PDB file of N, CA and C in Angstrom:
ATOM      1  N   SER A   1      34.165  54.657-111.107  1.00  0.00           N
ATOM      2  CA  SER A   1      33.730  56.036-111.246  1.00  0.00           C
ATOM      3  C   SER A   1      33.020  56.472-109.968  1.00  0.00           C
ATOM      4  N   GLU A   2      33.387  57.645-109.478  1.00  0.00           N
ATOM      5  CA  GLU A   2      32.801  58.172-108.254  1.00  0.00           C
ATOM      6  C   GLU A   2      31.537  58.952-108.568  1.00  0.00           C
ATOM      7  N   GLU A   3      30.589  58.872-107.669  1.00  0.00           N
ATOM      8  CA  GLU A   3      29.362  59.633-107.844  1.00  0.00           C
ATOM      9  C   GLU A   3      29.596  61.064-107.362  1.00  0.00           C
ATOM     10  N   PRO A   4      29.009  62.046-108.018  1.00  0.00           N
ATOM     11  CA  PRO A   4      29.174  63.434-107.561  1.00  0.00           C
ATOM     12  C   PRO A   4      28.517  63.627-106.197  1.00  0.00           C
ATOM     13  N   GLN A   5      29.110  64.498-105.388  1.00  0.00           N
ATOM     14  CA  GLN A   5      28.563  64.758-104.062  1.00  0.00           C
ATOM     15  C   GLN A   5      27.289  65.579-104.187  1.00  0.00           C
ATOM     16  N   ASP A   6      26.351  65.297-103.310  1.00  0.00           N
ATOM     17  CA  ASP A   6      25.135  66.108-103.335  1.00  0.00           C
ATOM     18  C   ASP A   6      25.359  67.391-102.534  1.00  0.00           C
ATOM     19  N   ALA A   7      24.446  68.308-102.613  1.00  0.00           N
ATOM     20  CA  ALA A   7      24.587  69.619-101.971  1.00  0.00           C
ATOM     21  C   ALA A   7      24.668  69.501-100.453  1.00  0.00           C
ATOM     22  N   GLY A   8      24.048  68.491 -99.857  1.00  0.00           N
ATOM     23  CA  GLY A   8      24.083  68.306 -98.407  1.00  0.00           C
ATOM     24  C   GLY A   8      25.480  68.015 -97.899  1.00  0.00           C
ATOM     25  N   ASP A   9      26.238  67.156 -98.597  1.00  0.00           N
ATOM     26  CA  ASP A   9      27.608  66.843 -98.195  1.00  0.00           C
ATOM     27  C   ASP A   9      28.508  68.062 -98.332  1.00  0.00           C
ATOM     28  N   LEU A  10      28.324  68.838 -99.375  1.00  0.00           N
ATOM     29  CA  LEU A  10      29.136  70.032 -99.591  1.00  0.00           C
ATOM     30  C   LEU A  10      28.879  71.049 -98.492  1.00  0.00           C
ATOM     31  N   HIS A  11      27.630  71.191 -98.086  1.00  0.00           N
ATOM     32  CA  HIS A  11      27.274  72.135 -97.025  1.00  0.00           C
ATOM     33  C   HIS A  11      27.924  71.730 -95.704  1.00  0.00           C
ATOM     34  N   LYS A  12      27.992  70.436 -95.410  1.00  0.00           N
ATOM     35  CA  LYS A  12      28.612  69.953 -94.180  1.00  0.00           C
ATOM     36  C   LYS A  12      30.110  70.229 -94.181  1.00  0.00           C
ATOM     37  N   MET A  13      30.744  70.115 -95.335  1.00  0.00           N
ATOM     38  CA  MET A  13      32.179  70.365 -95.416  1.00  0.00           C
ATOM     39  C   MET A  13      32.487  71.828 -95.134  1.00  0.00           C
ATOM     40  N   VAL A  14      31.671  72.736 -95.587  1.00  0.00           N
ATOM     41  CA  VAL A  14      31.906  74.162 -95.362  1.00  0.00           C
ATOM     42  C   VAL A  14      31.758  74.492 -93.882  1.00  0.00           C
ATOM     43  N   LEU A  15      30.770  73.909 -93.218  1.00  0.00           N
ATOM     44  CA  LEU A  15      30.551  74.198 -91.808  1.00  0.00           C
ATOM     45  C   LEU A  15      31.642  73.619 -90.916  1.00  0.00           C
ATOM     46  N   ALA A  16      32.359  72.592 -91.373  1.00  0.00           N
ATOM     47  CA  ALA A  16      33.426  71.991 -90.574  1.00  0.00           C
ATOM     48  C   ALA A  16      34.577  72.971 -90.364  1.00  0.00           C
ATOM     49  N   CYS A  17      34.787  73.888 -91.280  1.00  0.00           N
ATOM     50  CA  CYS A  17      35.873  74.867 -91.185  1.00  0.00           C
ATOM     51  C   CYS A  17      35.335  76.226 -90.749  1.00  0.00           C
ATOM     52  N   ASP A  18      34.364  76.236 -89.892  1.00  0.00           N
ATOM     53  CA  ASP A  18      33.710  77.468 -89.478  1.00  0.00           C
ATOM     54  C   ASP A  18      34.531  78.150 -88.389  1.00  0.00           C
ATOM     55  N   ILE A  19      35.448  79.049 -88.794  1.00  0.00           N
ATOM     56  CA  ILE A  19      36.299  79.794 -87.872  1.00  0.00           C
ATOM     57  C   ILE A  19      36.197  81.267 -88.238  1.00  0.00           C
ATOM     58  N   ASP A  20      36.123  82.117 -87.233  1.00  0.00           N
ATOM     59  CA  ASP A  20      36.102  83.556 -87.468  1.00  0.00           C
ATOM     60  C   ASP A  20      37.516  83.988 -87.851  1.00  0.00           C
ATOM     61  N   LEU A  21      37.731  84.314 -89.109  1.00  0.00           N
ATOM     62  CA  LEU A  21      39.072  84.641 -89.593  1.00  0.00           C
ATOM     63  C   LEU A  21      39.554  86.005 -89.119  1.00  0.00           C
ATOM     64  N   LEU A  22      38.646  86.905 -88.780  1.00  0.00           N
ATOM     65  CA  LEU A  22      39.054  88.220 -88.286  1.00  0.00           C
ATOM     66  C   LEU A  22      39.399  88.198 -86.803  1.00  0.00           C
ATOM     67  N   ASN A  23      38.836  87.267 -86.061  1.00  0.00           N
ATOM     68  CA  ASN A  23      39.104  87.143 -84.625  1.00  0.00           C
ATOM     69  C   ASN A  23      39.417  85.691 -84.282  1.00  0.00           C
ATOM     70  N   PRO A  24      40.567  85.170 -84.733  1.00  0.00           N
ATOM     71  CA  PRO A  24      40.883  83.759 -84.464  1.00  0.00           C
ATOM     72  C   PRO A  24      41.216  83.545 -82.987  1.00  0.00           C
ATOM     73  N   PRO A  25      41.015  82.337 -82.481  1.00  0.00           N
ATOM     74  CA  PRO A  25      41.363  82.037 -81.084  1.00  0.00           C
ATOM     75  C   PRO A  25      42.868  82.188 -80.848  1.00  0.00           C
ATOM     76  N   LYS A  26      43.243  82.598 -79.631  1.00  0.00           N
ATOM     77  CA  LYS A  26      44.655  82.815 -79.311  1.00  0.00           C
ATOM     78  C   LYS A  26      45.472  81.539 -79.442  1.00  0.00           C
ATOM     79  N   GLU A  27      44.884  80.391 -79.072  1.00  0.00           N
ATOM     80  CA  GLU A  27      45.615  79.123 -79.154  1.00  0.00           C
ATOM     81  C   GLU A  27      45.963  78.799 -80.604  1.00  0.00           C
ATOM     82  N   LEU A  28      45.026  79.083 -81.505  1.00  0.00           N
ATOM     83  CA  LEU A  28      45.254  78.816 -82.920  1.00  0.00           C
ATOM     84  C   LEU A  28      46.336  79.736 -83.480  1.00  0.00           C
ATOM     85  N   GLU A  29      46.315  81.000 -83.081  1.00  0.00           N
ATOM     86  CA  GLU A  29      47.309  81.963 -83.555  1.00  0.00           C
ATOM     87  C   GLU A  29      48.698  81.631 -83.011  1.00  0.00           C
ATOM     88  N   LYS A  30      48.768  81.156 -81.776  1.00  0.00           N
ATOM     89  CA  LYS A  30      50.061  80.856 -81.169  1.00  0.00           C
ATOM     90  C   LYS A  30      50.762  79.702 -81.872  1.00  0.00           C
ATOM     91  N   ARG A  31      49.969  78.742 -82.399  1.00  0.00           N
ATOM     92  CA  ARG A  31      50.545  77.575 -83.070  1.00  0.00           C
ATOM     93  C   ARG A  31      51.023  77.890 -84.480  1.00  0.00           C
ATOM     94  N   LYS A  32      50.549  78.989 -85.064  1.00  0.00           N
ATOM     95  CA  LYS A  32      50.923  79.323 -86.435  1.00  0.00           C
ATOM     96  C   LYS A  32      52.353  79.848 -86.509  1.00  0.00           C
ATOM     97  N   HIS A  33      52.924  79.806 -87.709  1.00  0.00           N
ATOM     98  CA  HIS A  33      54.240  80.366 -87.960  1.00  0.00           C
ATOM     99  C   HIS A  33      54.194  81.870 -87.739  1.00  0.00           C
ATOM    100  N   LYS A  34      55.296  82.456 -87.311  1.00  0.00           N
ATOM    101  CA  LYS A  34      55.310  83.871 -86.950  1.00  0.00           C
ATOM    102  C   LYS A  34      54.924  84.795 -88.102  1.00  0.00           C
ATOM    103  N   LEU A  35      55.116  84.381 -89.342  1.00  0.00           N
ATOM    104  CA  LEU A  35      54.751  85.220 -90.482  1.00  0.00           C
ATOM    105  C   LEU A  35      53.346  84.930 -90.997  1.00  0.00           C
ATOM    106  N   HIS A  36      52.744  83.817 -90.583  1.00  0.00           N
ATOM    107  CA  HIS A  36      51.422  83.440 -91.063  1.00  0.00           C
ATOM    108  C   HIS A  36      50.304  83.836 -90.112  1.00  0.00           C
ATOM    109  N   ARG A  37      50.632  84.535 -89.035  1.00  0.00           N
ATOM    110  CA  ARG A  37      49.608  84.998 -88.109  1.00  0.00           C
ATOM    111  C   ARG A  37      48.858  86.170 -88.715  1.00  0.00           C
ATOM    112  N   LEU A  38      47.703  86.487 -88.145  1.00  0.00           N
ATOM    113  CA  LEU A  38      46.909  87.610 -88.626  1.00  0.00           C
ATOM    114  C   LEU A  38      47.722  88.900 -88.537  1.00  0.00           C
ATOM    115  N   VAL A  39      48.393  89.114 -87.411  1.00  0.00           N
ATOM    116  CA  VAL A  39      49.354  90.201 -87.250  1.00  0.00           C
ATOM    117  C   VAL A  39      50.680  89.537 -86.924  1.00  0.00           C
ATOM    118  N   ALA A  40      51.660  89.686 -87.808  1.00  0.00           N
ATOM    119  CA  ALA A  40      52.950  89.014 -87.631  1.00  0.00           C
ATOM    120  C   ALA A  40      53.607  89.470 -86.330  1.00  0.00           C
ATOM    121  N   SER A  41      54.047  88.513 -85.520  1.00  0.00           N
ATOM    122  CA  SER A  41      54.726  88.823 -84.266  1.00  0.00           C
ATOM    123  C   SER A  41      55.792  87.759 -84.019  1.00  0.00           C
ATOM    124  N   PRO A  42      56.914  88.147 -83.416  1.00  0.00           N
ATOM    125  CA  PRO A  42      58.010  87.192 -83.236  1.00  0.00           C
ATOM    126  C   PRO A  42      57.722  86.160 -82.150  1.00  0.00           C
ATOM    127  N   ASN A  43      58.432  85.035 -82.226  1.00  0.00           N
ATOM    128  CA  ASN A  43      58.336  83.991 -81.206  1.00  0.00           C
ATOM    129  C   ASN A  43      59.324  84.235 -80.071  1.00  0.00           C
ATOM    130  N   SER A  44      60.312  85.082 -80.299  1.00  0.00           N
ATOM    131  CA  SER A  44      61.367  85.298 -79.318  1.00  0.00           C
ATOM    132  C   SER A  44      60.992  86.414 -78.348  1.00  0.00           C
ATOM    133  N   TYR A  45      61.702  86.461 -77.229  1.00  0.00           N
ATOM    134  CA  TYR A  45      61.452  87.467 -76.205  1.00  0.00           C
ATOM    135  C   TYR A  45      62.684  87.581 -75.324  1.00  0.00           C
ATOM    136  N   PHE A  46      62.737  88.637 -74.522  1.00  0.00           N
ATOM    137  CA  PHE A  46      63.789  88.806 -73.535  1.00  0.00           C
ATOM    138  C   PHE A  46      63.234  88.388 -72.180  1.00  0.00           C
ATOM    139  N   MET A  47      64.113  87.888 -71.320  1.00  0.00           N
ATOM    140  CA  MET A  47      63.669  87.457 -69.997  1.00  0.00           C
ATOM    141  C   MET A  47      64.739  87.783 -68.970  1.00  0.00           C
ATOM    142  N   ASP A  48      64.300  88.018 -67.741  1.00  0.00           N
ATOM    143  CA  ASP A  48      65.198  88.213 -66.610  1.00  0.00           C
ATOM    144  C   ASP A  48      65.423  86.858 -65.964  1.00  0.00           C
ATOM    145  N   VAL A  49      66.684  86.448 -65.872  1.00  0.00           N
ATOM    146  CA  VAL A  49      67.034  85.155 -65.280  1.00  0.00           C
ATOM    147  C   VAL A  49      67.761  85.412 -63.971  1.00  0.00           C
ATOM    148  N   LYS A  50      67.298  84.757 -62.904  1.00  0.00           N
ATOM    149  CA  LYS A  50      67.915  84.923 -61.592  1.00  0.00           C
ATOM    150  C   LYS A  50      68.887  83.784 -61.346  1.00  0.00           C
ATOM    151  N   CYS A  51      70.126  84.136 -61.015  1.00  0.00           N
ATOM    152  CA  CYS A  51      71.158  83.137 -60.723  1.00  0.00           C
ATOM    153  C   CYS A  51      70.790  82.406 -59.434  1.00  0.00           C
ATOM    154  N   GLN A  52      70.970  81.087 -59.433  1.00  0.00           N
ATOM    155  CA  GLN A  52      70.610  80.302 -58.249  1.00  0.00           C
ATOM    156  C   GLN A  52      71.647  80.426 -57.138  1.00  0.00           C
ATOM    157  N   GLY A  53      72.863  80.888 -57.462  1.00  0.00           N
ATOM    158  CA  GLY A  53      73.908  81.001 -56.448  1.00  0.00           C
ATOM    159  C   GLY A  53      73.920  82.345 -55.744  1.00  0.00           C
ATOM    160  N   CYS A  54      73.997  83.435 -56.533  1.00  0.00           N
ATOM    161  CA  CYS A  54      74.137  84.763 -55.931  1.00  0.00           C
ATOM    162  C   CYS A  54      72.878  85.614 -56.080  1.00  0.00           C
ATOM    163  N   PHE A  55      71.831  85.099 -56.712  1.00  0.00           N
ATOM    164  CA  PHE A  55      70.555  85.792 -56.909  1.00  0.00           C
ATOM    165  C   PHE A  55      70.696  87.079 -57.717  1.00  0.00           C
ATOM    166  N   ASN A  56      71.728  87.136 -58.560  1.00  0.00           N
ATOM    167  CA  ASN A  56      71.911  88.268 -59.468  1.00  0.00           C
ATOM    168  C   ASN A  56      70.972  88.084 -60.661  1.00  0.00           C
ATOM    169  N   ILE A  57      70.348  89.167 -61.141  1.00  0.00           N
ATOM    170  CA  ILE A  57      69.416  89.088 -62.261  1.00  0.00           C
ATOM    171  C   ILE A  57      70.124  89.529 -63.536  1.00  0.00           C
ATOM    172  N   THR A  58      70.030  88.694 -64.576  1.00  0.00           N
ATOM    173  CA  THR A  58      70.649  88.956 -65.875  1.00  0.00           C
ATOM    174  C   THR A  58      69.572  88.892 -66.950  1.00  0.00           C
ATOM    175  N   THR A  59      69.629  89.814 -67.918  1.00  0.00           N
ATOM    176  CA  THR A  59      68.693  89.793 -69.039  1.00  0.00           C
ATOM    177  C   THR A  59      69.243  88.875 -70.115  1.00  0.00           C
ATOM    178  N   VAL A  60      68.404  87.933 -70.574  1.00  0.00           N
ATOM    179  CA  VAL A  60      68.819  86.924 -71.544  1.00  0.00           C
ATOM    180  C   VAL A  60      67.798  86.887 -72.672  1.00  0.00           C
ATOM    181  N   PHE A  61      68.281  86.708 -73.906  1.00  0.00           N
ATOM    182  CA  PHE A  61      67.410  86.544 -75.062  1.00  0.00           C
ATOM    183  C   PHE A  61      66.947  85.093 -75.113  1.00  0.00           C
ATOM    184  N   SER A  62      65.668  84.870 -75.422  1.00  0.00           N
ATOM    185  CA  SER A  62      65.108  83.516 -75.374  1.00  0.00           C
ATOM    186  C   SER A  62      65.748  82.572 -76.386  1.00  0.00           C
ATOM    187  N   HIS A  63      66.172  83.089 -77.530  1.00  0.00           N
ATOM    188  CA  HIS A  63      66.785  82.261 -78.567  1.00  0.00           C
ATOM    189  C   HIS A  63      68.291  82.545 -78.657  1.00  0.00           C
ATOM    190  N   SER A  64      68.921  82.736 -77.509  1.00  0.00           N
ATOM    191  CA  SER A  64      70.343  83.056 -77.456  1.00  0.00           C
ATOM    192  C   SER A  64      71.173  81.954 -78.110  1.00  0.00           C
ATOM    193  N   GLN A  65      72.186  82.356 -78.864  1.00  0.00           N
ATOM    194  CA  GLN A  65      73.035  81.397 -79.560  1.00  0.00           C
ATOM    195  C   GLN A  65      74.400  81.244 -78.906  1.00  0.00           C
ATOM    196  N   THR A  66      74.571  81.867 -77.744  1.00  0.00           N
ATOM    197  CA  THR A  66      75.815  81.737 -76.995  1.00  0.00           C
ATOM    198  C   THR A  66      75.492  81.318 -75.567  1.00  0.00           C
ATOM    199  N   VAL A  67      76.478  80.761 -74.890  1.00  0.00           N
ATOM    200  CA  VAL A  67      76.314  80.397 -73.486  1.00  0.00           C
ATOM    201  C   VAL A  67      76.314  81.682 -72.666  1.00  0.00           C
ATOM    202  N   VAL A  68      75.339  81.846 -71.793  1.00  0.00           N
ATOM    203  CA  VAL A  68      75.243  83.037 -70.945  1.00  0.00           C
ATOM    204  C   VAL A  68      75.651  82.647 -69.536  1.00  0.00           C
ATOM    205  N   VAL A  69      76.600  83.409 -68.966  1.00  0.00           N
ATOM    206  CA  VAL A  69      77.076  83.137 -67.610  1.00  0.00           C
ATOM    207  C   VAL A  69      76.758  84.322 -66.709  1.00  0.00           C
ATOM    208  N   CYS A  70      76.661  84.060 -65.419  1.00  0.00           N
ATOM    209  CA  CYS A  70      76.412  85.102 -64.429  1.00  0.00           C
ATOM    210  C   CYS A  70      77.649  85.989 -64.323  1.00  0.00           C
ATOM    211  N   THR A  71      77.439  87.297 -64.231  1.00  0.00           N
ATOM    212  CA  THR A  71      78.577  88.222 -64.170  1.00  0.00           C
ATOM    213  C   THR A  71      79.277  88.174 -62.819  1.00  0.00           C
ATOM    214  N   ASN A  72      78.562  87.802 -61.748  1.00  0.00           N
ATOM    215  CA  ASN A  72      79.168  87.766 -60.417  1.00  0.00           C
ATOM    216  C   ASN A  72      79.914  86.471 -60.143  1.00  0.00           C
ATOM    217  N   CYS A  73      79.240  85.332 -60.330  1.00  0.00           N
ATOM    218  CA  CYS A  73      79.832  84.063 -59.896  1.00  0.00           C
ATOM    219  C   CYS A  73      80.210  83.126 -61.044  1.00  0.00           C
ATOM    220  N   ASN A  74      80.058  83.559 -62.286  1.00  0.00           N
ATOM    221  CA  ASN A  74      80.442  82.792 -63.476  1.00  0.00           C
ATOM    222  C   ASN A  74      79.770  81.422 -63.584  1.00  0.00           C
ATOM    223  N   THR A  75      78.559  81.268 -63.065  1.00  0.00           N
ATOM    224  CA  THR A  75      77.819  80.029 -63.284  1.00  0.00           C
ATOM    225  C   THR A  75      77.033  80.154 -64.586  1.00  0.00           C
ATOM    226  N   VAL A  76      76.850  79.041 -65.272  1.00  0.00           N
ATOM    227  CA  VAL A  76      76.151  79.038 -66.558  1.00  0.00           C
ATOM    228  C   VAL A  76      74.656  79.206 -66.306  1.00  0.00           C
ATOM    229  N   LEU A  77      74.038  80.206 -66.958  1.00  0.00           N
ATOM    230  CA  LEU A  77      72.602  80.448 -66.813  1.00  0.00           C
ATOM    231  C   LEU A  77      71.799  79.738 -67.888  1.00  0.00           C
ATOM    232  N   CYS A  78      72.303  79.737 -69.133  1.00  0.00           N
ATOM    233  CA  CYS A  78      71.593  79.026 -70.203  1.00  0.00           C
ATOM    234  C   CYS A  78      72.575  78.605 -71.284  1.00  0.00           C
ATOM    235  N   VAL A  79      72.210  77.533 -71.976  1.00  0.00           N
ATOM    236  CA  VAL A  79      73.016  77.017 -73.079  1.00  0.00           C
ATOM    237  C   VAL A  79      72.152  76.995 -74.335  1.00  0.00           C
ATOM    238  N   PRO A  80      72.744  77.257 -75.496  1.00  0.00           N
ATOM    239  CA  PRO A  80      71.954  77.288 -76.730  1.00  0.00           C
ATOM    240  C   PRO A  80      71.573  75.886 -77.187  1.00  0.00           C
ATOM    241  N   THR A  81      70.420  75.797 -77.844  1.00  0.00           N
ATOM    242  CA  THR A  81      69.996  74.577 -78.528  1.00  0.00           C
ATOM    243  C   THR A  81      69.741  74.987 -79.969  1.00  0.00           C
ATOM    244  N   GLY A  82      69.033  74.193 -80.713  1.00  0.00           N
ATOM    245  CA  GLY A  82      68.726  74.558 -82.092  1.00  0.00           C
ATOM    246  C   GLY A  82      67.797  75.747 -82.194  1.00  0.00           C
ATOM    247  N   GLY A  83      66.916  75.938 -81.193  1.00  0.00           N
ATOM    248  CA  GLY A  83      65.955  77.036 -81.212  1.00  0.00           C
ATOM    249  C   GLY A  83      66.104  77.878 -79.971  1.00  0.00           C
ATOM    250  N   LYS A  84      65.242  77.634 -78.999  1.00  0.00           N
ATOM    251  CA  LYS A  84      65.306  78.388 -77.751  1.00  0.00           C
ATOM    252  C   LYS A  84      66.488  77.927 -76.909  1.00  0.00           C
ATOM    253  N   ALA A  85      67.000  78.854 -76.089  1.00  0.00           N
ATOM    254  CA  ALA A  85      68.087  78.517 -75.181  1.00  0.00           C
ATOM    255  C   ALA A  85      67.519  77.733 -73.997  1.00  0.00           C
ATOM    256  N   ARG A  86      68.257  76.751 -73.526  1.00  0.00           N
ATOM    257  CA  ARG A  86      67.816  75.929 -72.401  1.00  0.00           C
ATOM    258  C   ARG A  86      68.385  76.511 -71.110  1.00  0.00           C
ATOM    259  N   LEU A  87      67.496  76.847 -70.173  1.00  0.00           N
ATOM    260  CA  LEU A  87      67.933  77.385 -68.890  1.00  0.00           C
ATOM    261  C   LEU A  87      68.542  76.283 -68.034  1.00  0.00           C
ATOM    262  N   THR A  88      69.497  76.670 -67.195  1.00  0.00           N
ATOM    263  CA  THR A  88      70.115  75.731 -66.275  1.00  0.00           C
ATOM    264  C   THR A  88      69.096  75.317 -65.216  1.00  0.00           C
ATOM    265  N   GLU A  89      69.187  74.078 -64.777  1.00  0.00           N
ATOM    266  CA  GLU A  89      68.272  73.552 -63.762  1.00  0.00           C
ATOM    267  C   GLU A  89      68.337  74.421 -62.509  1.00  0.00           C
ATOM    268  N   GLY A  90      67.194  74.855 -62.019  1.00  0.00           N
ATOM    269  CA  GLY A  90      67.129  75.643 -60.791  1.00  0.00           C
ATOM    270  C   GLY A  90      67.081  77.142 -61.008  1.00  0.00           C
ATOM    271  N   CYS A  91      67.363  77.615 -62.219  1.00  0.00           N
ATOM    272  CA  CYS A  91      67.287  79.050 -62.501  1.00  0.00           C
ATOM    273  C   CYS A  91      65.834  79.447 -62.712  1.00  0.00           C
ATOM    274  N   SER A  92      65.437  80.545 -62.093  1.00  0.00           N
ATOM    275  CA  SER A  92      64.080  81.047 -62.313  1.00  0.00           C
ATOM    276  C   SER A  92      64.149  82.196 -63.309  1.00  0.00           C
ATOM    277  N   PHE A  93      63.064  82.384 -64.060  1.00  0.00           N
ATOM    278  CA  PHE A  93      63.049  83.447 -65.058  1.00  0.00           C
ATOM    279  C   PHE A  93      61.694  84.130 -65.072  1.00  0.00           C
ATOM    280  N   ARG A  94      61.691  85.343 -65.623  1.00  0.00           N
ATOM    281  CA  ARG A  94      60.471  86.113 -65.801  1.00  0.00           C
ATOM    282  C   ARG A  94      60.538  86.755 -67.175  1.00  0.00           C
ATOM    283  N   ARG A  95      59.494  86.581 -67.953  1.00  0.00           N
ATOM    284  CA  ARG A  95      59.442  87.171 -69.284  1.00  0.00           C
ATOM    285  C   ARG A  95      59.302  88.681 -69.154  1.00  0.00           C
ATOM    286  N   LYS A  96      60.154  89.429 -69.870  1.00  0.00           N
ATOM    287  CA  LYS A  96      60.095  90.886 -69.799  1.00  0.00           C
ATOM    288  C   LYS A  96      58.835  91.390 -70.474  1.00  0.00           C
ATOM    289  N   ALA A  97      58.304  92.485 -69.975  1.00  0.00           N
ATOM    290  CA  ALA A  97      57.097  93.078 -70.554  1.00  0.00           C
ATOM    291  C   ALA A  97      57.428  93.673 -71.916  1.00  0.00           C
ATOM    292  N   ASP A  98      56.468  93.553 -72.855  1.00  0.00           N
ATOM    293  CA  ASP A  98      56.663  94.141 -74.178  1.00  0.00           C
ATOM    294  C   ASP A  98      56.677  95.652 -74.046  1.00  0.00           C
ATOM    295  N   SER A  99      57.643  96.273 -74.719  1.00  0.00           N
ATOM    296  CA  SER A  99      57.719  97.732 -74.639  1.00  0.00           C
ATOM    297  C   SER A  99      57.586  98.377 -75.984  1.00  0.00           C
TER     298      SER A  99
END
């Protein structure tokens, strides 16, 4: 048989979870599921990818489900994975500004 906890132990347990729920830290919000955040926001984004051969800029979706190729030189810019698309080695990208 377990002994009941005294009030001191209960008070310590409450203080261990001391987080401001109205203003959570950004790191904590980023790790949460997109629907469980304080304000729901998607994990996906659009990005400008620069081709390493001809330096042409193409807009690519971060979670693209198709292979994206450069319109000028037909080199592969990214390939799909289970989640985010994997950029080709050497391609530089810039996340598009939220509009």
